[in-house]
Amino acid sequence: MTLDLFAGVPVRDYTAAAAWYEQLLGEPPSFLPNDTEAVWELAEHRFLYIEVLPDRAGHALHTVFVSDFDDRLAAIAGRGLAPAHSETYDNGVRTAIFRDPDGNEIGFGGGPV
């Protein structure tokens, strides 16, 4: 079975959002379907995209679990972004939440310490 995921993030300002997501993800969009959307492929068949939808901007909540949690956070910090919130749960799972210019929350999670 193939699993495809397109996780959308509504934004107000395409230019500001695209620049921020490029900084967060460390690469330019994988493709641009039109003038109001940008798409990043996070892993095979798993995509995160921004779309200009001003009335809905700021309400996305996505967490991506990664096996390279510490390295990824270090790389993001090297590009000038810091998490708005970090947490370690009782079971050892860690999360780091970043907020884009509209307040959308994009988090990264990793296994036990």
N, C-alpha and C. Protein backbone atom coordinates (compact mmCIF):
# COMPACT_ATOMS: atom_id res chain seq x y z
N MET A 1 0.83 -1.17 0.00
CA MET A 1 0.00 0.00 0.00
C MET A 1 0.89 1.25 0.00
N THR A 2 0.57 2.18 -0.86
CA THR A 2 1.26 3.45 -0.90
C THR A 2 0.47 4.46 -0.08
N LEU A 3 1.17 5.25 0.69
CA LEU A 3 0.53 6.30 1.48
C LEU A 3 1.05 7.64 1.00
N ASP A 4 0.16 8.48 0.52
CA ASP A 4 0.50 9.83 0.11
C ASP A 4 -0.09 10.80 1.11
N LEU A 5 0.63 11.87 1.38
CA LEU A 5 0.14 12.89 2.30
C LEU A 5 0.43 14.26 1.73
N PHE A 6 -0.59 15.11 1.67
CA PHE A 6 -0.45 16.52 1.34
C PHE A 6 -1.00 17.29 2.53
N ALA A 7 -0.12 17.87 3.33
CA ALA A 7 -0.53 18.64 4.50
C ALA A 7 -0.46 20.12 4.14
N GLY A 8 -1.60 20.78 4.20
CA GLY A 8 -1.69 22.17 3.78
C GLY A 8 -1.57 23.16 4.91
N VAL A 9 -0.99 24.31 4.59
CA VAL A 9 -0.81 25.39 5.54
C VAL A 9 -1.33 26.68 4.90
N PRO A 10 -2.44 27.22 5.39
CA PRO A 10 -2.94 28.48 4.83
C PRO A 10 -2.12 29.67 5.31
N VAL A 11 -1.77 30.54 4.37
CA VAL A 11 -0.95 31.71 4.70
C VAL A 11 -1.57 32.96 4.09
N ARG A 12 -1.12 34.11 4.59
CA ARG A 12 -1.59 35.40 4.07
C ARG A 12 -0.67 35.92 2.96
N ASP A 13 0.63 35.90 3.21
CA ASP A 13 1.61 36.51 2.32
C ASP A 13 2.48 35.41 1.73
N TYR A 14 2.31 35.14 0.46
CA TYR A 14 3.04 34.06 -0.21
C TYR A 14 4.55 34.24 -0.10
N THR A 15 5.03 35.42 -0.40
CA THR A 15 6.48 35.66 -0.44
C THR A 15 7.11 35.45 0.93
N ALA A 16 6.50 36.02 1.97
CA ALA A 16 7.04 35.87 3.33
C ALA A 16 6.97 34.42 3.78
N ALA A 17 5.86 33.75 3.52
CA ALA A 17 5.69 32.36 3.95
C ALA A 17 6.67 31.45 3.21
N ALA A 18 6.79 31.62 1.90
CA ALA A 18 7.69 30.76 1.13
C ALA A 18 9.13 30.91 1.62
N ALA A 19 9.54 32.13 1.91
CA ALA A 19 10.90 32.35 2.42
C ALA A 19 11.08 31.68 3.78
N TRP A 20 10.08 31.79 4.66
CA TRP A 20 10.18 31.20 5.99
C TRP A 20 10.25 29.67 5.91
N TYR A 21 9.40 29.06 5.09
CA TYR A 21 9.41 27.60 4.97
C TYR A 21 10.70 27.11 4.32
N GLU A 22 11.25 27.87 3.41
CA GLU A 22 12.53 27.51 2.82
C GLU A 22 13.62 27.55 3.90
N GLN A 23 13.55 28.53 4.79
CA GLN A 23 14.50 28.62 5.90
C GLN A 23 14.30 27.45 6.86
N LEU A 24 13.06 27.13 7.19
CA LEU A 24 12.77 26.03 8.10
C LEU A 24 13.21 24.69 7.52
N LEU A 25 12.86 24.45 6.28
CA LEU A 25 13.09 23.14 5.67
C LEU A 25 14.46 23.01 4.99
N GLY A 26 15.15 24.13 4.81
CA GLY A 26 16.51 24.07 4.28
C GLY A 26 16.63 23.88 2.79
N GLU A 27 15.55 24.09 2.07
CA GLU A 27 15.61 23.95 0.61
C GLU A 27 14.44 24.67 -0.03
N PRO A 28 14.58 25.02 -1.30
CA PRO A 28 13.46 25.66 -1.99
C PRO A 28 12.33 24.66 -2.21
N PRO A 29 11.16 25.14 -2.57
CA PRO A 29 10.04 24.22 -2.83
C PRO A 29 10.41 23.17 -3.87
N SER A 30 9.81 22.01 -3.72
CA SER A 30 10.00 20.93 -4.69
C SER A 30 9.32 21.26 -6.01
N PHE A 31 8.16 21.92 -5.91
CA PHE A 31 7.49 22.40 -7.11
C PHE A 31 6.49 23.48 -6.74
N LEU A 32 6.13 24.26 -7.76
CA LEU A 32 5.21 25.38 -7.61
C LEU A 32 4.02 25.14 -8.54
N PRO A 33 2.89 24.66 -8.01
CA PRO A 33 1.77 24.33 -8.89
C PRO A 33 1.10 25.55 -9.52
N ASN A 34 1.19 26.71 -8.86
CA ASN A 34 0.59 27.94 -9.39
C ASN A 34 1.17 29.12 -8.62
N ASP A 35 0.60 30.31 -8.81
CA ASP A 35 1.14 31.53 -8.19
C ASP A 35 0.81 31.67 -6.70
N THR A 36 -0.03 30.80 -6.16
CA THR A 36 -0.45 30.94 -4.76
C THR A 36 -0.09 29.73 -3.90
N GLU A 37 0.66 28.78 -4.45
CA GLU A 37 1.03 27.58 -3.71
C GLU A 37 2.51 27.24 -3.92
N ALA A 38 3.11 26.66 -2.89
CA ALA A 38 4.47 26.12 -2.98
C ALA A 38 4.45 24.80 -2.22
N VAL A 39 5.13 23.80 -2.75
CA VAL A 39 5.08 22.45 -2.20
C VAL A 39 6.49 21.93 -1.93
N TRP A 40 6.69 21.38 -0.71
CA TRP A 40 7.95 20.74 -0.34
C TRP A 40 7.69 19.26 -0.14
N GLU A 41 8.52 18.41 -0.75
CA GLU A 41 8.43 16.97 -0.51
C GLU A 41 9.34 16.66 0.68
N LEU A 42 8.72 16.25 1.80
CA LEU A 42 9.46 15.95 3.01
C LEU A 42 10.06 14.55 2.98
N ALA A 43 9.37 13.65 2.34
CA ALA A 43 9.80 12.26 2.13
C ALA A 43 8.96 11.76 0.96
N GLU A 44 9.32 10.61 0.45
CA GLU A 44 8.60 10.10 -0.71
C GLU A 44 7.09 10.04 -0.42
N HIS A 45 6.33 10.68 -1.29
CA HIS A 45 4.87 10.70 -1.20
C HIS A 45 4.33 11.47 0.01
N ARG A 46 5.15 12.30 0.64
CA ARG A 46 4.72 13.07 1.80
C ARG A 46 5.13 14.53 1.60
N PHE A 47 4.12 15.38 1.48
CA PHE A 47 4.33 16.76 1.09
C PHE A 47 3.73 17.73 2.11
N LEU A 48 4.38 18.88 2.24
CA LEU A 48 3.87 20.00 3.01
C LEU A 48 3.74 21.14 2.02
N TYR A 49 2.57 21.79 2.00
CA TYR A 49 2.41 22.89 1.06
C TYR A 49 1.79 24.10 1.74
N ILE A 50 2.17 25.27 1.21
CA ILE A 50 1.53 26.51 1.64
C ILE A 50 0.58 26.94 0.53
N GLU A 51 -0.49 27.60 0.94
CA GLU A 51 -1.44 28.14 -0.03
C GLU A 51 -1.98 29.45 0.53
N VAL A 52 -2.06 30.45 -0.34
CA VAL A 52 -2.59 31.74 0.09
C VAL A 52 -4.10 31.60 0.29
N LEU A 53 -4.49 31.62 1.56
CA LEU A 53 -5.90 31.57 1.98
C LEU A 53 -6.00 32.48 3.21
N PRO A 54 -6.03 33.80 3.00
CA PRO A 54 -5.92 34.74 4.12
C PRO A 54 -6.94 34.52 5.24
N ASP A 55 -8.16 34.16 4.92
CA ASP A 55 -9.18 33.99 5.95
C ASP A 55 -8.93 32.78 6.84
N ARG A 56 -8.11 31.85 6.38
CA ARG A 56 -7.83 30.62 7.14
C ARG A 56 -6.42 30.59 7.71
N ALA A 57 -5.62 31.59 7.40
CA ALA A 57 -4.21 31.61 7.81
C ALA A 57 -4.06 31.59 9.33
N GLY A 58 -3.02 30.89 9.79
CA GLY A 58 -2.69 30.89 11.21
C GLY A 58 -3.31 29.77 12.02
N HIS A 59 -4.00 28.83 11.38
CA HIS A 59 -4.70 27.79 12.13
C HIS A 59 -4.15 26.38 11.92
N ALA A 60 -3.07 26.22 11.17
CA ALA A 60 -2.51 24.89 10.91
C ALA A 60 -1.72 24.40 12.12
N LEU A 61 -1.81 23.10 12.36
CA LEU A 61 -1.07 22.42 13.42
C LEU A 61 -0.55 21.11 12.85
N HIS A 62 0.73 21.07 12.50
CA HIS A 62 1.31 19.85 11.93
C HIS A 62 2.57 19.49 12.70
N THR A 63 2.75 18.20 12.94
CA THR A 63 3.99 17.70 13.54
C THR A 63 4.53 16.59 12.66
N VAL A 64 5.80 16.68 12.33
CA VAL A 64 6.48 15.70 11.51
C VAL A 64 7.47 14.97 12.40
N PHE A 65 7.34 13.65 12.50
CA PHE A 65 8.28 12.87 13.32
C PHE A 65 9.46 12.46 12.44
N VAL A 66 10.67 12.68 12.98
CA VAL A 66 11.90 12.43 12.23
C VAL A 66 12.86 11.59 13.07
N SER A 67 13.72 10.85 12.39
CA SER A 67 14.70 10.02 13.10
C SER A 67 15.96 10.81 13.43
N ASP A 68 16.13 11.97 12.81
CA ASP A 68 17.33 12.79 13.02
C ASP A 68 16.99 14.07 13.80
N PHE A 69 16.19 13.94 14.82
CA PHE A 69 15.65 15.08 15.56
C PHE A 69 16.72 16.10 15.95
N ASP A 70 17.76 15.68 16.65
CA ASP A 70 18.78 16.62 17.12
C ASP A 70 19.52 17.28 15.96
N ASP A 71 19.90 16.50 14.97
CA ASP A 71 20.60 17.06 13.81
C ASP A 71 19.71 18.04 13.06
N ARG A 72 18.45 17.71 12.92
CA ARG A 72 17.52 18.59 12.20
C ARG A 72 17.35 19.91 12.94
N LEU A 73 17.18 19.85 14.26
CA LEU A 73 17.03 21.09 15.02
C LEU A 73 18.29 21.94 14.95
N ALA A 74 19.44 21.30 14.98
CA ALA A 74 20.70 22.03 14.87
C ALA A 74 20.80 22.71 13.50
N ALA A 75 20.39 22.02 12.45
CA ALA A 75 20.44 22.61 11.11
C ALA A 75 19.47 23.79 11.00
N ILE A 76 18.29 23.64 11.57
CA ILE A 76 17.31 24.74 11.55
C ILE A 76 17.86 25.93 12.32
N ALA A 77 18.46 25.68 13.48
CA ALA A 77 19.06 26.76 14.27
C ALA A 77 20.17 27.45 13.46
N GLY A 78 20.93 26.68 12.71
CA GLY A 78 21.98 27.24 11.88
C GLY A 78 21.44 28.14 10.78
N ARG A 79 20.18 27.95 10.43
CA ARG A 79 19.54 28.80 9.43
C ARG A 79 18.79 29.96 10.09
N GLY A 80 18.94 30.10 11.42
CA GLY A 80 18.42 31.27 12.10
C GLY A 80 17.04 31.16 12.72
N LEU A 81 16.50 29.95 12.83
CA LEU A 81 15.18 29.80 13.46
C LEU A 81 15.31 29.02 14.77
N ALA A 82 14.52 29.42 15.74
CA ALA A 82 14.47 28.73 17.03
C ALA A 82 13.04 28.31 17.30
N PRO A 83 12.85 27.18 17.97
CA PRO A 83 11.48 26.76 18.28
C PRO A 83 10.81 27.75 19.23
N ALA A 84 9.52 27.92 19.05
CA ALA A 84 8.72 28.74 19.96
C ALA A 84 8.46 27.98 21.25
N HIS A 85 8.48 26.64 21.14
CA HIS A 85 8.18 25.80 22.30
C HIS A 85 8.82 24.43 22.09
N SER A 86 9.41 23.89 23.12
CA SER A 86 9.97 22.53 23.10
C SER A 86 9.47 21.79 24.32
N GLU A 87 9.35 20.48 24.17
CA GLU A 87 8.85 19.69 25.29
C GLU A 87 9.37 18.26 25.19
N THR A 88 9.60 17.66 26.35
CA THR A 88 9.92 16.23 26.43
C THR A 88 8.83 15.59 27.27
N TYR A 89 8.17 14.61 26.69
CA TYR A 89 7.07 13.92 27.37
C TYR A 89 7.62 12.84 28.29
N ASP A 90 6.78 12.35 29.19
CA ASP A 90 7.18 11.33 30.16
C ASP A 90 7.75 10.08 29.50
N ASN A 91 7.29 9.77 28.28
CA ASN A 91 7.77 8.58 27.58
C ASN A 91 9.07 8.83 26.80
N GLY A 92 9.63 10.06 26.91
CA GLY A 92 10.88 10.38 26.25
C GLY A 92 10.75 11.00 24.87
N VAL A 93 9.55 11.04 24.32
CA VAL A 93 9.34 11.67 23.03
C VAL A 93 9.52 13.18 23.18
N ARG A 94 10.24 13.77 22.23
CA ARG A 94 10.51 15.21 22.26
C ARG A 94 9.84 15.90 21.09
N THR A 95 9.43 17.13 21.30
CA THR A 95 8.87 17.94 20.22
C THR A 95 9.46 19.34 20.27
N ALA A 96 9.52 19.95 19.11
CA ALA A 96 9.94 21.34 18.97
C ALA A 96 8.95 21.98 18.00
N ILE A 97 8.28 23.04 18.44
CA ILE A 97 7.25 23.70 17.65
C ILE A 97 7.77 25.04 17.14
N PHE A 98 7.63 25.24 15.85
CA PHE A 98 8.00 26.50 15.21
C PHE A 98 6.72 27.17 14.74
N ARG A 99 6.71 28.49 14.75
CA ARG A 99 5.55 29.25 14.27
C ARG A 99 5.96 30.10 13.08
N ASP A 100 5.20 29.96 12.00
CA ASP A 100 5.48 30.76 10.81
C ASP A 100 4.97 32.19 11.00
N PRO A 101 5.18 33.08 10.03
CA PRO A 101 4.76 34.47 10.19
C PRO A 101 3.26 34.66 10.48
N ASP A 102 2.43 33.69 10.11
CA ASP A 102 0.99 33.78 10.37
C ASP A 102 0.58 33.12 11.68
N GLY A 103 1.50 32.43 12.33
CA GLY A 103 1.18 31.74 13.57
C GLY A 103 0.88 30.26 13.39
N ASN A 104 0.94 29.75 12.17
CA ASN A 104 0.78 28.31 11.96
C ASN A 104 1.88 27.58 12.71
N GLU A 105 1.55 26.44 13.30
CA GLU A 105 2.52 25.67 14.07
C GLU A 105 3.00 24.47 13.26
N ILE A 106 4.31 24.43 13.05
CA ILE A 106 4.94 23.30 12.38
C ILE A 106 5.92 22.73 13.38
N GLY A 107 5.68 21.49 13.78
CA GLY A 107 6.52 20.87 14.78
C GLY A 107 7.31 19.71 14.24
N PHE A 108 8.39 19.42 14.95
CA PHE A 108 9.17 18.22 14.66
C PHE A 108 9.20 17.41 15.94
N GLY A 109 9.06 16.11 15.81
CA GLY A 109 9.09 15.22 16.95
C GLY A 109 10.14 14.15 16.75
N GLY A 110 10.64 13.64 17.86
CA GLY A 110 11.65 12.59 17.80
C GLY A 110 11.48 11.62 18.93
N GLY A 111 12.06 10.47 18.74
CA GLY A 111 11.95 9.39 19.72
C GLY A 111 12.56 9.71 21.07
N PRO A 112 12.51 8.75 21.94
CA PRO A 112 13.02 8.95 23.30
C PRO A 112 14.48 9.40 23.30
N VAL A 113 14.82 10.15 24.33
CA VAL A 113 16.17 10.68 24.50
C VAL A 113 17.15 9.55 24.66
